Amino acid sequence: MKIKKSLLYFALTFLMVFSLSSVTDNTYAYWASGISGNNTSTSEIITIGDWASYPTWDANTTYLVGEIVEYNGSYYEAKKDNVGYEPTVTPGWNGRWTEVIIQ
């Protein structure tokens, strides 16, 4: 009787895990392609899929090199780790951020 009960629990657990895996959305990772410009520029073009969304810039967040934020309808990529450097506003912002055009 214990073996039947154990098999039943195993079968139900397997069925639940399999059922959950079939209803979750797929996730994808993409790499940016078609990047033009250089690090001394304040503007670059990056081509990515339609799925991308970026967080809105926040004065209390520490941004690491390569992170992209949305600010006033434009997108900016961190050239250096920074906190509190508001894109287009804080003096010296273009030493910390590069505007990117997302297509």
Protein backbone atom coordinates (compact mmCIF):
# COMPACT_ATOMS: atom_id res chain seq x y z
CA MET A 1 0.00 0.00 0.00
CA LYS A 2 2.90 2.39 0.78
CA ILE A 3 4.40 1.80 -2.66
CA LYS A 4 1.10 2.60 -4.42
CA LYS A 5 0.72 5.77 -2.35
CA SER A 6 4.31 6.84 -3.11
CA LEU A 7 3.80 6.18 -6.84
CA LEU A 8 0.56 8.17 -6.77
CA TYR A 9 2.32 11.16 -5.11
CA PHE A 10 5.18 10.94 -7.61
CA ALA A 11 2.76 10.77 -10.56
CA LEU A 12 0.74 13.74 -9.30
CA THR A 13 3.88 15.80 -8.66
CA PHE A 14 5.22 14.99 -12.12
CA LEU A 15 1.87 15.88 -13.70
CA MET A 16 1.74 19.22 -11.85
CA VAL A 17 5.29 20.17 -12.84
CA PHE A 18 4.70 19.16 -16.46
CA SER A 19 1.40 21.07 -16.55
CA LEU A 20 3.01 24.23 -15.18
CA SER A 21 5.87 24.06 -17.64
CA SER A 22 3.46 23.89 -20.57
CA VAL A 23 1.54 27.05 -19.59
CA THR A 24 4.44 29.39 -18.78
CA ASP A 25 5.57 31.86 -21.42
CA ASN A 26 8.77 31.25 -23.30
CA THR A 27 11.60 33.62 -22.58
CA TYR A 28 14.21 34.68 -25.06
CA ALA A 29 17.58 36.33 -24.90
CA TYR A 30 18.78 38.57 -27.70
CA TRP A 31 22.04 40.26 -28.41
CA ALA A 32 22.14 43.72 -29.89
CA SER A 33 23.29 43.84 -33.48
CA GLY A 34 23.97 46.59 -35.93
CA ILE A 35 25.62 48.84 -33.35
CA SER A 36 27.29 51.85 -34.85
CA GLY A 37 29.20 54.66 -33.20
CA ASN A 38 31.98 54.64 -30.62
CA ASN A 39 32.47 55.35 -26.92
CA THR A 40 33.42 58.98 -27.52
CA SER A 41 30.08 59.60 -29.21
CA THR A 42 26.98 60.74 -27.31
CA SER A 43 24.74 58.82 -29.72
CA GLU A 44 24.69 55.21 -30.91
CA ILE A 45 22.22 53.12 -32.90
CA ILE A 46 21.20 49.72 -31.55
CA THR A 47 18.84 47.36 -33.38
CA ILE A 48 16.78 45.07 -31.14
CA GLY A 49 13.43 43.26 -31.20
CA ASP A 50 10.07 44.85 -30.40
CA TRP A 51 9.90 43.14 -27.01
CA ALA A 52 12.41 45.41 -25.29
CA SER A 53 11.39 47.67 -22.46
CA TYR A 54 13.72 49.58 -20.21
CA PRO A 55 13.30 51.01 -16.73
CA THR A 56 12.73 54.71 -16.31
CA TRP A 57 15.79 56.55 -14.96
CA ASP A 58 15.72 56.86 -11.17
CA ALA A 59 17.95 59.21 -9.16
CA ASN A 60 18.31 56.65 -6.35
CA THR A 61 19.42 53.73 -8.54
CA THR A 62 23.05 52.83 -9.17
CA TYR A 63 23.53 52.05 -12.85
CA LEU A 64 26.32 49.81 -14.08
CA VAL A 65 28.19 50.05 -17.38
CA GLY A 66 25.96 48.86 -20.23
CA GLU A 67 22.60 49.29 -18.50
CA ILE A 68 19.98 51.14 -20.55
CA VAL A 69 17.31 53.44 -19.13
CA GLU A 70 14.44 55.46 -20.58
CA TYR A 71 14.43 59.19 -19.78
CA ASN A 72 11.93 61.67 -21.25
CA GLY A 73 11.18 59.39 -24.22
CA SER A 74 14.84 58.75 -25.09
CA TYR A 75 17.14 55.88 -24.15
CA TYR A 76 20.56 56.14 -22.56
CA GLU A 77 23.26 53.54 -21.96
CA ALA A 78 25.61 53.89 -18.99
CA LYS A 79 29.23 54.39 -20.11
CA LYS A 80 30.44 54.28 -16.48
CA ASP A 81 28.95 53.08 -13.21
CA ASN A 82 26.97 55.99 -11.80
CA VAL A 83 24.24 57.14 -9.46
CA GLY A 84 22.44 60.48 -9.64
CA TYR A 85 23.79 61.56 -13.04
CA GLU A 86 20.56 62.60 -14.75
CA PRO A 87 20.83 62.20 -18.53
CA THR A 88 20.89 65.57 -20.36
CA VAL A 89 20.61 67.52 -17.06
CA THR A 90 23.46 66.87 -14.62
CA PRO A 91 26.68 68.62 -15.66
CA GLY A 92 29.03 66.02 -17.10
CA TRP A 93 26.15 63.63 -17.89
CA ASN A 94 27.61 62.79 -21.33
CA GLY A 95 30.69 61.37 -19.61
CA ARG A 96 28.40 58.86 -17.89
CA TRP A 97 25.66 58.27 -20.47
CA THR A 98 25.41 57.70 -24.23
CA GLU A 99 22.10 58.32 -25.95
CA VAL A 100 21.05 55.25 -27.93
CA ILE A 101 18.47 55.04 -30.68
CA ILE A 102 16.45 51.86 -30.41
CA GLN A 103 14.93 50.67 -33.66
